[in-house]
Every structure is written in structure tokens, then in C-alpha cells.
PDB file of N, CA and C in Angstrom:
ATOM      1  N   UNK A   1     -11.704  -6.622 -11.436  1.00  0.00           N
ATOM      2  CA  UNK A   1     -12.798  -6.574 -10.402  1.00  0.00           C
ATOM      3  C   UNK A   1     -14.049  -5.538 -11.046  1.00  0.00           C
ATOM      4  N   UNK A   2     -15.204  -6.125 -11.123  1.00  0.00           N
ATOM      5  CA  UNK A   2     -16.311  -5.276 -11.437  1.00  0.00           C
ATOM      6  C   UNK A   2     -17.127  -4.746 -10.414  1.00  0.00           C
ATOM      7  N   UNK A   3     -17.402  -3.400 -10.403  1.00  0.00           N
ATOM      8  CA  UNK A   3     -18.216  -2.886  -9.455  1.00  0.00           C
ATOM      9  C   UNK A   3     -18.932  -1.525  -9.941  1.00  0.00           C
ATOM     10  N   UNK A   4     -19.871  -1.047  -9.392  1.00  0.00           N
ATOM     11  CA  UNK A   4     -20.604   0.053  -9.830  1.00  0.00           C
ATOM     12  C   UNK A   4     -19.782   1.321  -9.463  1.00  0.00           C
ATOM     13  N   UNK A   5     -19.877   2.411 -10.174  1.00  0.00           N
ATOM     14  CA  UNK A   5     -19.192   3.486 -10.042  1.00  0.00           C
ATOM     15  C   UNK A   5     -19.145   4.219  -8.634  1.00  0.00           C
ATOM     16  N   UNK A   6     -20.339   3.910  -7.841  1.00  0.00           N
ATOM     17  CA  UNK A   6     -20.461   4.507  -6.451  1.00  0.00           C
ATOM     18  C   UNK A   6     -20.069   3.440  -5.335  1.00  0.00           C
ATOM     19  N   UNK A   7     -19.520   2.234  -5.756  1.00  0.00           N
ATOM     20  CA  UNK A   7     -19.177   1.192  -4.920  1.00  0.00           C
ATOM     21  C   UNK A   7     -18.065   1.608  -4.036  1.00  0.00           C
ATOM     22  N   UNK A   8     -17.957   0.902  -2.857  1.00  0.00           N
ATOM     23  CA  UNK A   8     -16.860   1.037  -1.901  1.00  0.00           C
ATOM     24  C   UNK A   8     -16.388  -0.421  -1.608  1.00  0.00           C
ATOM     25  N   UNK A   9     -15.139  -0.482  -1.076  1.00  0.00           N
ATOM     26  CA  UNK A   9     -14.804  -1.891  -0.951  1.00  0.00           C
ATOM     27  C   UNK A   9     -15.625  -2.567   0.051  1.00  0.00           C
ATOM     28  N   UNK A  10     -15.856  -3.941   0.099  1.00  0.00           N
ATOM     29  CA  UNK A  10     -16.733  -4.785   0.977  1.00  0.00           C
ATOM     30  C   UNK A  10     -16.030  -4.933   2.411  1.00  0.00           C
ATOM     31  N   UNK A  11     -14.945  -4.180   2.615  1.00  0.00           N
ATOM     32  CA  UNK A  11     -14.408  -4.201   4.040  1.00  0.00           C
ATOM     33  C   UNK A  11     -14.859  -2.996   4.778  1.00  0.00           C
ATOM     34  N   UNK A  12     -15.453  -3.196   6.064  1.00  0.00           N
ATOM     35  CA  UNK A  12     -15.912  -2.080   6.767  1.00  0.00           C
ATOM     36  C   UNK A  12     -14.901  -1.158   7.263  1.00  0.00           C
ATOM     37  N   UNK A  13     -15.157   0.131   7.196  1.00  0.00           N
ATOM     38  CA  UNK A  13     -14.039   1.049   7.739  1.00  0.00           C
ATOM     39  C   UNK A  13     -14.107   0.885   9.147  1.00  0.00           C
ATOM     40  N   UNK A  14     -12.922   0.976   9.849  1.00  0.00           N
ATOM     41  CA  UNK A  14     -12.762   0.885  11.169  1.00  0.00           C
ATOM     42  C   UNK A  14     -12.890   2.411  11.872  1.00  0.00           C
ATOM     43  N   UNK A  15     -13.723   2.520  12.576  1.00  0.00           N
ATOM     44  CA  UNK A  15     -13.991   3.716  13.373  1.00  0.00           C
ATOM     45  C   UNK A  15     -12.957   4.030  14.328  1.00  0.00           C
ATOM     46  N   UNK A  16     -12.401   5.245  14.202  1.00  0.00           N
ATOM     47  CA  UNK A  16     -11.175   5.591  15.144  1.00  0.00           C
ATOM     48  C   UNK A  16      -9.856   5.028  14.790  1.00  0.00           C
ATOM     49  N   UNK A  17      -9.753   4.446  13.667  1.00  0.00           N
ATOM     50  CA  UNK A  17      -8.430   3.858  13.282  1.00  0.00           C
ATOM     51  C   UNK A  17      -7.578   5.053  12.889  1.00  0.00           C
ATOM     52  N   UNK A  18      -6.299   5.050  13.251  1.00  0.00           N
ATOM     53  CA  UNK A  18      -5.171   6.047  13.051  1.00  0.00           C
ATOM     54  C   UNK A  18      -4.616   5.761  11.909  1.00  0.00           C
ATOM     55  N   UNK A  19      -4.970   6.364  10.811  1.00  0.00           N
ATOM     56  CA  UNK A  19      -4.243   6.333   9.489  1.00  0.00           C
ATOM     57  C   UNK A  19      -4.223   7.569   8.657  1.00  0.00           C
ATOM     58  N   UNK A  20      -3.000   7.798   8.274  1.00  0.00           N
ATOM     59  CA  UNK A  20      -3.030   9.038   7.384  1.00  0.00           C
ATOM     60  C   UNK A  20      -2.955   8.579   5.857  1.00  0.00           C
ATOM     61  N   UNK A  21      -3.318   9.639   5.068  1.00  0.00           N
ATOM     62  CA  UNK A  21      -3.474   9.320   3.716  1.00  0.00           C
ATOM     63  C   UNK A  21      -2.993  10.617   2.975  1.00  0.00           C
ATOM     64  N   UNK A  22      -2.557  10.377   1.701  1.00  0.00           N
ATOM     65  CA  UNK A  22      -2.118  11.496   0.821  1.00  0.00           C
ATOM     66  C   UNK A  22      -2.046  11.145  -0.643  1.00  0.00           C
ATOM     67  N   UNK A  23      -2.433  12.054  -1.650  1.00  0.00           N
ATOM     68  CA  UNK A  23      -2.307  11.845  -2.975  1.00  0.00           C
ATOM     69  C   UNK A  23      -0.834  12.074  -3.225  1.00  0.00           C
ATOM     70  N   UNK A  24      -0.066  11.274  -4.112  1.00  0.00           N
ATOM     71  CA  UNK A  24       1.284  11.480  -4.459  1.00  0.00           C
ATOM     72  C   UNK A  24       1.452  11.577  -5.938  1.00  0.00           C
ATOM     73  N   UNK A  25       2.491  11.810  -6.327  1.00  0.00           N
ATOM     74  CA  UNK A  25       3.070  11.783  -7.719  1.00  0.00           C
ATOM     75  C   UNK A  25       4.390  11.231  -7.633  1.00  0.00           C
ATOM     76  N   UNK A  26       4.480   9.933  -8.159  1.00  0.00           N
ATOM     77  CA  UNK A  26       5.731   9.201  -8.052  1.00  0.00           C
ATOM     78  C   UNK A  26       6.512   9.190  -9.357  1.00  0.00           C
ATOM     79  N   UNK A  27       7.717   8.955  -9.353  1.00  0.00           N
ATOM     80  CA  UNK A  27       8.472   8.893 -10.533  1.00  0.00           C
ATOM     81  C   UNK A  27       9.218   7.588 -10.742  1.00  0.00           C
ATOM     82  N   UNK A  28       8.911   6.879 -11.883  1.00  0.00           N
ATOM     83  CA  UNK A  28       9.453   5.735 -12.231  1.00  0.00           C
ATOM     84  C   UNK A  28      11.018   5.796 -12.601  1.00  0.00           C
ATOM     85  N   UNK A  29      11.784   4.754 -12.658  1.00  0.00           N
ATOM     86  CA  UNK A  29      13.233   4.788 -12.951  1.00  0.00           C
ATOM     87  C   UNK A  29      13.513   5.428 -14.337  1.00  0.00           C
ATOM     88  N   UNK A  30      12.478   5.421 -15.147  1.00  0.00           N
ATOM     89  CA  UNK A  30      12.699   6.051 -16.457  1.00  0.00           C
ATOM     90  C   UNK A  30      12.220   7.552 -16.597  1.00  0.00           C
ATOM     91  N   UNK A  31      11.895   8.046 -15.453  1.00  0.00           N
ATOM     92  CA  UNK A  31      11.528   9.488 -15.312  1.00  0.00           C
ATOM     93  C   UNK A  31       9.969   9.711 -15.643  1.00  0.00           C
ATOM     94  N   UNK A  32       9.158   8.731 -15.864  1.00  0.00           N
ATOM     95  CA  UNK A  32       7.801   8.952 -15.977  1.00  0.00           C
ATOM     96  C   UNK A  32       7.099   9.119 -14.740  1.00  0.00           C
ATOM     97  N   UNK A  33       6.262  10.075 -14.592  1.00  0.00           N
ATOM     98  CA  UNK A  33       5.445  10.459 -13.459  1.00  0.00           C
ATOM     99  C   UNK A  33       4.116   9.935 -13.489  1.00  0.00           C
ATOM    100  N   UNK A  34       3.676   9.208 -12.341  1.00  0.00           N
ATOM    101  CA  UNK A  34       2.284   8.938 -12.284  1.00  0.00           C
ATOM    102  C   UNK A  34       1.625   8.981 -10.927  1.00  0.00           C
ATOM    103  N   UNK A  35       0.329   8.995 -10.898  1.00  0.00           N
ATOM    104  CA  UNK A  35      -0.364   9.256  -9.668  1.00  0.00           C
ATOM    105  C   UNK A  35      -0.464   8.132  -8.692  1.00  0.00           C
ATOM    106  N   UNK A  36      -0.367   8.406  -7.482  1.00  0.00           N
ATOM    107  CA  UNK A  36      -0.602   7.130  -6.400  1.00  0.00           C
ATOM    108  C   UNK A  36      -1.231   7.807  -5.246  1.00  0.00           C
ATOM    109  N   UNK A  37      -1.887   6.839  -4.446  1.00  0.00           N
ATOM    110  CA  UNK A  37      -2.546   7.230  -3.242  1.00  0.00           C
ATOM    111  C   UNK A  37      -2.094   6.281  -2.116  1.00  0.00           C
ATOM    112  N   UNK A  38      -1.508   7.038  -1.115  1.00  0.00           N
ATOM    113  CA  UNK A  38      -0.957   6.323  -0.020  1.00  0.00           C
ATOM    114  C   UNK A  38      -1.752   6.377   1.299  1.00  0.00           C
ATOM    115  N   UNK A  39      -1.734   5.104   1.976  1.00  0.00           N
ATOM    116  CA  UNK A  39      -2.552   5.030   3.364  1.00  0.00           C
ATOM    117  C   UNK A  39      -1.539   4.481   4.251  1.00  0.00           C
ATOM    118  N   UNK A  40      -1.227   5.205   5.358  1.00  0.00           N
ATOM    119  CA  UNK A  40      -0.120   4.854   6.283  1.00  0.00           C
ATOM    120  C   UNK A  40      -0.612   4.906   7.684  1.00  0.00           C
ATOM    121  N   UNK A  41      -0.574   3.593   8.279  1.00  0.00           N
ATOM    122  CA  UNK A  41      -1.019   3.428   9.625  1.00  0.00           C
ATOM    123  C   UNK A  41      -0.334   4.275  10.660  1.00  0.00           C
ATOM    124  N   UNK A  42      -0.858   4.628  11.836  1.00  0.00           N
ATOM    125  CA  UNK A  42      -0.032   5.219  12.802  1.00  0.00           C
ATOM    126  C   UNK A  42       1.338   4.555  13.169  1.00  0.00           C
ATOM    127  N   UNK A  43       1.138   3.341  13.424  1.00  0.00           N
ATOM    128  CA  UNK A  43       2.336   2.532  13.716  1.00  0.00           C
ATOM    129  C   UNK A  43       2.762   1.653  12.446  1.00  0.00           C
ATOM    130  N   UNK A  44       3.781   2.255  11.693  1.00  0.00           N
ATOM    131  CA  UNK A  44       4.159   1.627  10.557  1.00  0.00           C
ATOM    132  C   UNK A  44       5.421   0.883  10.718  1.00  0.00           C
ATOM    133  N   UNK A  45       6.020   0.304   9.672  1.00  0.00           N
ATOM    134  CA  UNK A  45       7.285  -0.410   9.780  1.00  0.00           C
ATOM    135  C   UNK A  45       6.965  -1.925   9.393  1.00  0.00           C
ATOM    136  N   UNK A  46       5.751  -2.340   9.413  1.00  0.00           N
ATOM    137  CA  UNK A  46       5.359  -3.534   9.027  1.00  0.00           C
ATOM    138  C   UNK A  46       5.369  -3.888   7.567  1.00  0.00           C
ATOM    139  N   UNK A  47       4.486  -4.754   7.124  1.00  0.00           N
ATOM    140  CA  UNK A  47       4.391  -5.093   5.709  1.00  0.00           C
ATOM    141  C   UNK A  47       3.602  -4.175   5.002  1.00  0.00           C
ATOM    142  N   UNK A  48       3.679  -4.103   3.654  1.00  0.00           N
ATOM    143  CA  UNK A  48       2.883  -3.087   2.866  1.00  0.00           C
ATOM    144  C   UNK A  48       2.202  -3.692   1.679  1.00  0.00           C
ATOM    145  N   UNK A  49       1.220  -3.078   1.116  1.00  0.00           N
ATOM    146  CA  UNK A  49       0.533  -3.674  -0.045  1.00  0.00           C
ATOM    147  C   UNK A  49       0.595  -2.565  -1.036  1.00  0.00           C
ATOM    148  N   UNK A  50       0.863  -3.173  -2.420  1.00  0.00           N
ATOM    149  CA  UNK A  50       0.705  -2.343  -3.600  1.00  0.00           C
ATOM    150  C   UNK A  50      -0.669  -2.609  -4.246  1.00  0.00           C
ATOM    151  N   UNK A  51      -1.566  -1.775  -4.309  1.00  0.00           N
ATOM    152  CA  UNK A  51      -2.886  -2.048  -5.049  1.00  0.00           C
ATOM    153  C   UNK A  51      -2.789  -1.523  -6.604  1.00  0.00           C
ATOM    154  N   UNK A  52      -3.087  -2.717  -7.313  1.00  0.00           N
ATOM    155  CA  UNK A  52      -3.054  -2.382  -8.730  1.00  0.00           C
ATOM    156  C   UNK A  52      -4.487  -2.313  -9.270  1.00  0.00           C
ATOM    157  N   UNK A  53      -5.001  -1.195  -9.665  1.00  0.00           N
ATOM    158  CA  UNK A  53      -6.357  -0.969 -10.058  1.00  0.00           C
ATOM    159  C   UNK A  53      -6.673  -1.733 -11.388  1.00  0.00           C
ATOM    160  N   UNK A  54      -8.080  -1.651 -11.610  1.00  0.00           N
ATOM    161  CA  UNK A  54      -8.483  -2.206 -12.803  1.00  0.00           C
ATOM    162  C   UNK A  54      -8.495  -1.314 -13.960  1.00  0.00           C
ATOM    163  N   UNK A  55      -9.126  -1.431 -15.047  1.00  0.00           N
ATOM    164  CA  UNK A  55      -8.918  -0.695 -16.324  1.00  0.00           C
ATOM    165  C   UNK A  55      -9.351   0.957 -15.987  1.00  0.00           C
ATOM    166  N   UNK A  56     -10.017   1.225 -14.941  1.00  0.00           N
ATOM    167  CA  UNK A  56     -10.249   2.607 -14.693  1.00  0.00           C
ATOM    168  C   UNK A  56      -9.149   3.340 -14.074  1.00  0.00           C
ATOM    169  N   UNK A  57      -8.094   2.651 -13.698  1.00  0.00           N
ATOM    170  CA  UNK A  57      -6.965   3.472 -13.172  1.00  0.00           C
ATOM    171  C   UNK A  57      -7.145   3.763 -11.702  1.00  0.00           C
ATOM    172  N   UNK A  58      -6.381   4.781 -11.213  1.00  0.00           N
ATOM    173  CA  UNK A  58      -6.526   5.238  -9.858  1.00  0.00           C
ATOM    174  C   UNK A  58      -7.826   5.894  -9.649  1.00  0.00           C
ATOM    175  N   UNK A  59      -8.755   4.962  -9.191  1.00  0.00           N
ATOM    176  CA  UNK A  59     -10.195   5.491  -8.931  1.00  0.00           C
ATOM    177  C   UNK A  59     -10.583   5.465  -7.430  1.00  0.00           C
ATOM    178  N   UNK A  60     -11.481   6.179  -7.088  1.00  0.00           N
ATOM    179  CA  UNK A  60     -11.937   6.391  -5.594  1.00  0.00           C
ATOM    180  C   UNK A  60     -11.983   4.897  -4.982  1.00  0.00           C
ATOM    181  N   UNK A  61     -12.553   3.942  -5.650  1.00  0.00           N
ATOM    182  CA  UNK A  61     -12.780   2.634  -4.913  1.00  0.00           C
ATOM    183  C   UNK A  61     -11.311   2.118  -4.453  1.00  0.00           C
ATOM    184  N   UNK A  62     -10.311   2.313  -5.264  1.00  0.00           N
ATOM    185  CA  UNK A  62      -9.035   1.747  -4.932  1.00  0.00           C
ATOM    186  C   UNK A  62      -8.351   2.722  -3.852  1.00  0.00           C
ATOM    187  N   UNK A  63      -8.568   4.030  -3.824  1.00  0.00           N
ATOM    188  CA  UNK A  63      -8.136   4.860  -2.692  1.00  0.00           C
ATOM    189  C   UNK A  63      -8.810   4.247  -1.341  1.00  0.00           C
ATOM    190  N   UNK A  64     -10.150   4.042  -1.470  1.00  0.00           N
ATOM    191  CA  UNK A  64     -10.795   3.532  -0.206  1.00  0.00           C
ATOM    192  C   UNK A  64     -10.340   2.149   0.248  1.00  0.00           C
ATOM    193  N   UNK A  65     -10.027   1.203  -0.867  1.00  0.00           N
ATOM    194  CA  UNK A  65      -9.332  -0.033  -0.415  1.00  0.00           C
ATOM    195  C   UNK A  65      -7.951   0.160   0.197  1.00  0.00           C
ATOM    196  N   UNK A  66      -7.205   1.106  -0.204  1.00  0.00           N
ATOM    197  CA  UNK A  66      -5.924   1.354   0.397  1.00  0.00           C
ATOM    198  C   UNK A  66      -6.034   1.835   1.804  1.00  0.00           C
ATOM    199  N   UNK A  67      -7.085   2.624   2.056  1.00  0.00           N
ATOM    200  CA  UNK A  67      -7.476   3.223   3.403  1.00  0.00           C
ATOM    201  C   UNK A  67      -7.761   1.960   4.259  1.00  0.00           C
ATOM    202  N   UNK A  68      -8.602   1.039   3.782  1.00  0.00           N
ATOM    203  CA  UNK A  68      -8.998  -0.240   4.637  1.00  0.00           C
ATOM    204  C   UNK A  68      -7.758  -1.072   5.022  1.00  0.00           C
ATOM    205  N   UNK A  69      -6.726  -1.092   4.125  1.00  0.00           N
ATOM    206  CA  UNK A  69      -5.439  -1.796   4.411  1.00  0.00           C
ATOM    207  C   UNK A  69      -4.786  -0.974   5.678  1.00  0.00           C
ATOM    208  N   UNK A  70      -4.902   0.375   5.402  1.00  0.00           N
ATOM    209  CA  UNK A  70      -4.018   1.291   6.328  1.00  0.00           C
ATOM    210  C   UNK A  70      -4.741   1.133   7.794  1.00  0.00           C
ATOM    211  N   UNK A  71      -6.051   1.146   7.868  1.00  0.00           N
ATOM    212  CA  UNK A  71      -6.822   0.869   9.019  1.00  0.00           C
ATOM    213  C   UNK A  71      -6.553  -0.396   9.757  1.00  0.00           C
ATOM    214  N   UNK A  72      -5.988  -1.288   9.068  1.00  0.00           N
ATOM    215  CA  UNK A  72      -5.672  -2.689   9.564  1.00  0.00           C
ATOM    216  C   UNK A  72      -4.143  -2.790   9.770  1.00  0.00           C
ATOM    217  N   UNK A  73      -3.475  -1.746   9.746  1.00  0.00           N
ATOM    218  CA  UNK A  73      -1.992  -1.690  10.198  1.00  0.00           C
ATOM    219  C   UNK A  73      -1.164  -1.866   9.052  1.00  0.00           C
ATOM    220  N   UNK A  74      -1.558  -2.068   7.776  1.00  0.00           N
ATOM    221  CA  UNK A  74      -0.745  -2.253   6.691  1.00  0.00           C
ATOM    222  C   UNK A  74      -0.416  -0.894   5.824  1.00  0.00           C
ATOM    223  N   UNK A  75       0.683  -0.715   5.434  1.00  0.00           N
ATOM    224  CA  UNK A  75       0.978   0.456   4.672  1.00  0.00           C
ATOM    225  C   UNK A  75       0.554   0.138   3.235  1.00  0.00           C
ATOM    226  N   UNK A  76      -0.236   1.020   2.656  1.00  0.00           N
ATOM    227  CA  UNK A  76      -0.725   0.600   1.289  1.00  0.00           C
ATOM    228  C   UNK A  76      -0.599   1.707   0.292  1.00  0.00           C
ATOM    229  N   UNK A  77      -0.376   1.487  -0.836  1.00  0.00           N
ATOM    230  CA  UNK A  77      -0.283   2.397  -1.937  1.00  0.00           C
ATOM    231  C   UNK A  77      -1.004   1.846  -3.119  1.00  0.00           C
ATOM    232  N   UNK A  78      -1.850   2.708  -3.631  1.00  0.00           N
ATOM    233  CA  UNK A  78      -2.644   2.263  -4.898  1.00  0.00           C
ATOM    234  C   UNK A  78      -2.029   3.273  -5.994  1.00  0.00           C
ATOM    235  N   UNK A  79      -1.573   2.587  -7.115  1.00  0.00           N
ATOM    236  CA  UNK A  79      -0.953   3.310  -8.127  1.00  0.00           C
ATOM    237  C   UNK A  79      -1.737   3.358  -9.434  1.00  0.00           C
ATOM    238  N   UNK A  80      -1.404   4.274 -10.233  1.00  0.00           N
ATOM    239  CA  UNK A  80      -2.102   4.503 -11.418  1.00  0.00           C
ATOM    240  C   UNK A  80      -1.164   4.325 -12.557  1.00  0.00           C
ATOM    241  N   UNK A  81      -1.132   3.197 -13.288  1.00  0.00           N
ATOM    242  CA  UNK A  81      -0.212   2.852 -14.159  1.00  0.00           C
ATOM    243  C   UNK A  81      -0.606   3.594 -15.642  1.00  0.00           C
ATOM    244  N   UNK A  82      -1.543   4.379 -15.677  1.00  0.00           N
ATOM    245  CA  UNK A  82      -1.836   5.021 -16.883  1.00  0.00           C
ATOM    246  C   UNK A  82      -1.231   6.377 -16.997  1.00  0.00           C
ATOM    247  N   UNK A  83      -0.257   6.613 -15.997  1.00  0.00           N
ATOM    248  CA  UNK A  83       0.515   7.998 -16.092  1.00  0.00           C
ATOM    249  C   UNK A  83       1.182   8.246 -17.278  1.00  0.00           C
ATOM    250  N   UNK A  84       1.662   7.083 -17.923  1.00  0.00           N
ATOM    251  CA  UNK A  84       2.413   7.202 -19.072  1.00  0.00           C
ATOM    252  C   UNK A  84       1.577   7.813 -20.198  1.00  0.00           C
ATOM    253  N   UNK A  85       0.361   7.497 -20.303  1.00  0.00           N
ATOM    254  CA  UNK A  85      -0.398   7.954 -21.438  1.00  0.00           C
ATOM    255  C   UNK A  85      -1.600   8.984 -20.985  1.00  0.00           C
ATOM    256  N   UNK A  86      -1.945   9.088 -19.820  1.00  0.00           N
ATOM    257  CA  UNK A  86      -3.089   9.883 -19.356  1.00  0.00           C
ATOM    258  C   UNK A  86      -2.628  11.043 -18.347  1.00  0.00           C
ATOM    259  N   UNK A  87      -1.442  11.076 -17.870  1.00  0.00           N
ATOM    260  CA  UNK A  87      -1.012  12.030 -16.952  1.00  0.00           C
ATOM    261  C   UNK A  87      -1.392  11.757 -15.527  1.00  0.00           C
ATOM    262  N   UNK A  88      -1.096  12.683 -14.573  1.00  0.00           N
ATOM    263  CA  UNK A  88      -1.308  12.376 -13.159  1.00  0.00           C
ATOM    264  C   UNK A  88      -2.486  12.868 -12.559  1.00  0.00           C
ATOM    265  N   UNK A  89      -3.385  13.571 -13.418  1.00  0.00           N
ATOM    266  CA  UNK A  89      -4.740  14.202 -12.840  1.00  0.00           C
ATOM    267  C   UNK A  89      -5.654  13.249 -12.408  1.00  0.00           C
ATOM    268  N   UNK A  90      -6.588  13.582 -11.439  1.00  0.00           N
ATOM    269  CA  UNK A  90      -7.695  12.842 -11.067  1.00  0.00           C
ATOM    270  C   UNK A  90      -8.577  12.579 -12.265  1.00  0.00           C
ATOM    271  N   UNK A  91      -9.260  11.481 -12.416  1.00  0.00           N
ATOM    272  CA  UNK A  91     -10.179  11.147 -13.457  1.00  0.00           C
ATOM    273  C   UNK A  91     -11.583  11.020 -12.904  1.00  0.00           C
ATOM    274  N   UNK A  92     -12.594  11.336 -13.915  1.00  0.00           N
ATOM    275  CA  UNK A  92     -13.856  11.184 -13.500  1.00  0.00           C
ATOM    276  C   UNK A  92     -14.505   9.868 -14.076  1.00  0.00           C
ATOM    277  N   UNK A  93     -15.734   9.745 -13.763  1.00  0.00           N
ATOM    278  CA  UNK A  93     -16.497   8.465 -14.144  1.00  0.00           C
ATOM    279  C   UNK A  93     -16.440   8.234 -15.678  1.00  0.00           C
ATOM    280  N   UNK A  94     -16.231   9.422 -16.385  1.00  0.00           N
ATOM    281  CA  UNK A  94     -16.245   8.993 -17.906  1.00  0.00           C
ATOM    282  C   UNK A  94     -14.843   8.987 -18.484  1.00  0.00           C
ATOM    283  N   UNK A  95     -14.006   8.594 -17.706  1.00  0.00           N
ATOM    284  CA  UNK A  95     -12.515   8.370 -18.152  1.00  0.00           C
ATOM    285  C   UNK A  95     -12.444   7.371 -19.363  1.00  0.00           C
ATOM    286  N   UNK A  96     -11.999   7.717 -20.472  1.00  0.00           N
ATOM    287  CA  UNK A  96     -12.040   6.788 -21.638  1.00  0.00           C
ATOM    288  C   UNK A  96     -10.694   5.877 -21.694  1.00  0.00           C
ATOM    289  N   UNK A  97     -10.796   4.870 -20.790  1.00  0.00           N
ATOM    290  CA  UNK A  97      -9.786   3.998 -20.470  1.00  0.00           C
ATOM    291  C   UNK A  97      -9.252   2.991 -21.521  1.00  0.00           C
ATOM    292  N   UNK A  98     -10.106   2.750 -22.624  1.00  0.00           N
ATOM    293  CA  UNK A  98      -9.628   1.670 -23.489  1.00  0.00           C
ATOM    294  C   UNK A  98      -8.455   2.140 -24.226  1.00  0.00           C
ATOM    295  N   UNK A  99      -8.387   3.403 -24.746  1.00  0.00           N
ATOM    296  CA  UNK A  99      -7.142   3.728 -25.293  1.00  0.00           C
ATOM    297  C   UNK A  99      -5.807   3.638 -24.560  1.00  0.00           C
ATOM    298  N   UNK A 100      -5.947   3.677 -23.281  1.00  0.00           N
ATOM    299  CA  UNK A 100      -4.886   3.752 -22.268  1.00  0.00           C
ATOM    300  C   UNK A 100      -4.508   2.280 -21.908  1.00  0.00           C
ATOM    301  N   UNK A 101      -5.654   1.373 -21.935  1.00  0.00           N
ATOM    302  CA  UNK A 101      -5.386   0.042 -21.665  1.00  0.00           C
ATOM    303  C   UNK A 101      -4.513  -0.559 -22.673  1.00  0.00           C
ATOM    304  N   UNK A 102      -4.895  -0.242 -24.048  1.00  0.00           N
ATOM    305  CA  UNK A 102      -4.222  -0.642 -25.258  1.00  0.00           C
ATOM    306  C   UNK A 102      -2.698  -0.277 -25.223  1.00  0.00           C
ATOM    307  N   UNK A 103      -2.267   0.896 -24.581  1.00  0.00           N
ATOM    308  CA  UNK A 103      -0.971   1.389 -24.534  1.00  0.00           C
ATOM    309  C   UNK A 103      -0.238   0.942 -23.376  1.00  0.00           C
ATOM    310  N   UNK A 104      -0.897   0.240 -22.531  1.00  0.00           N
ATOM    311  CA  UNK A 104      -0.212  -0.323 -21.108  1.00  0.00           C
ATOM    312  C   UNK A 104       0.773  -1.593 -21.538  1.00  0.00           C
ATOM    313  N   UNK A 105       1.990  -1.482 -21.179  1.00  0.00           N
ATOM    314  CA  UNK A 105       2.753  -2.705 -21.598  1.00  0.00           C
ATOM    315  C   UNK A 105       3.172  -3.406 -20.403  1.00  0.00           C
ATOM    316  N   UNK A 106       3.521  -4.749 -20.495  1.00  0.00           N
ATOM    317  CA  UNK A 106       3.886  -5.519 -19.295  1.00  0.00           C
ATOM    318  C   UNK A 106       5.101  -5.008 -18.529  1.00  0.00           C
ATOM    319  N   UNK A 107       5.951  -4.258 -19.255  1.00  0.00           N
ATOM    320  CA  UNK A 107       7.071  -3.712 -18.621  1.00  0.00           C
ATOM    321  C   UNK A 107       6.772  -2.381 -17.787  1.00  0.00           C
ATOM    322  N   UNK A 108       5.777  -1.701 -18.233  1.00  0.00           N
ATOM    323  CA  UNK A 108       5.345  -0.525 -17.671  1.00  0.00           C
ATOM    324  C   UNK A 108       4.825  -0.560 -16.280  1.00  0.00           C
ATOM    325  N   UNK A 109       4.096  -1.629 -15.989  1.00  0.00           N
ATOM    326  CA  UNK A 109       3.510  -1.908 -14.732  1.00  0.00           C
ATOM    327  C   UNK A 109       4.455  -2.013 -13.610  1.00  0.00           C
ATOM    328  N   UNK A 110       5.440  -2.944 -13.720  1.00  0.00           N
ATOM    329  CA  UNK A 110       6.492  -3.109 -12.634  1.00  0.00           C
ATOM    330  C   UNK A 110       7.311  -1.818 -12.494  1.00  0.00           C
ATOM    331  N   UNK A 111       7.483  -1.131 -13.619  1.00  0.00           N
ATOM    332  CA  UNK A 111       8.174   0.197 -13.395  1.00  0.00           C
ATOM    333  C   UNK A 111       7.571   1.107 -12.552  1.00  0.00           C
ATOM    334  N   UNK A 112       6.197   1.174 -12.521  1.00  0.00           N
ATOM    335  CA  UNK A 112       5.450   2.075 -11.639  1.00  0.00           C
ATOM    336  C   UNK A 112       5.475   1.438 -10.148  1.00  0.00           C
ATOM    337  N   UNK A 113       5.248   0.172 -10.019  1.00  0.00           N
ATOM    338  CA  UNK A 113       5.216  -0.364  -8.631  1.00  0.00           C
ATOM    339  C   UNK A 113       6.611  -0.391  -8.116  1.00  0.00           C
ATOM    340  N   UNK A 114       7.593  -0.416  -8.805  1.00  0.00           N
ATOM    341  CA  UNK A 114       8.974  -0.209  -8.101  1.00  0.00           C
ATOM    342  C   UNK A 114       9.171   1.166  -7.474  1.00  0.00           C
ATOM    343  N   UNK A 115       8.686   2.177  -8.182  1.00  0.00           N
ATOM    344  CA  UNK A 115       8.724   3.464  -7.525  1.00  0.00           C
ATOM    345  C   UNK A 115       8.117   3.668  -6.312  1.00  0.00           C
ATOM    346  N   UNK A 116       7.076   2.784  -5.855  1.00  0.00           N
ATOM    347  CA  UNK A 116       6.344   2.816  -4.716  1.00  0.00           C
ATOM    348  C   UNK A 116       7.098   2.027  -3.546  1.00  0.00           C
ATOM    349  N   UNK A 117       8.142   1.320  -3.739  1.00  0.00           N
ATOM    350  CA  UNK A 117       8.720   0.603  -2.851  1.00  0.00           C
ATOM    351  C   UNK A 117       9.465   1.393  -1.693  1.00  0.00           C
ATOM    352  N   UNK A 118       9.821   2.729  -1.894  1.00  0.00           N
ATOM    353  CA  UNK A 118      10.366   3.544  -0.953  1.00  0.00           C
ATOM    354  C   UNK A 118       9.253   4.314  -0.065  1.00  0.00           C
ATOM    355  N   UNK A 119       7.979   4.075  -0.223  1.00  0.00           N
ATOM    356  CA  UNK A 119       7.084   4.558   0.618  1.00  0.00           C
ATOM    357  C   UNK A 119       6.896   4.044   2.150  1.00  0.00           C
TER     358      UNK A 119
END
């Protein structure tokens, strides 16, 4: 998905929606740690959504997208599959993602999302 650095999801925020959110560090089955952002509605227990970001990794846009899902009653977690190569810290607009994209493997992404199943 292409968007400007200051963009927000095209879904409007729900005023007064009861949703909590938190930054997480999850651990994959192989022990790798990676960042995630979880949004949980007040009444949970229903379906959930795993948000897979674009080449920028876990970026503010995807945290906001997870919040929009949470406001609508869905548990949501946005994961950063660049944890294997870039660590768990927050990244700025100048994140040099191309080297990390080249190191991301088809097997690495499911390993990250499987760690989010217990949220």
C-alpha cells in the first residue's frame, strides 16, 4: 500500500470507542524477538486481525489501522517482521528498509504471525 509519511488510514476514528492499545515485544518459536502493536476492544473474545505492514515495517500508519479495527470490536495486532534484521526499536521516516526487505524470507513472516496468536 502506498501512502504519504503523514497519512492515516482512510477509516475514521470512532469517538468514544473503548479500546486499549500497547506496544509489545513478541517472541517467535525460534526465539527471535520482534515488535508489535496490539489494539484490544473493551469486549473481546471475538475474531482478530493480524496486520502485515508494507516495506516500512511497523509504522505509525499500521498502528492507527490496528486501532481502527479495535474500535470496531476486533482484536488487532500489527507485527514488524523486520525484527530479525532491524531489532525491536521504533523506526523513523528515514528507516533504510531495502536491506531488510532483501533479508526477509517466506518462512520468517509466518513465524512472526504465529507468535501473535496468543494475544
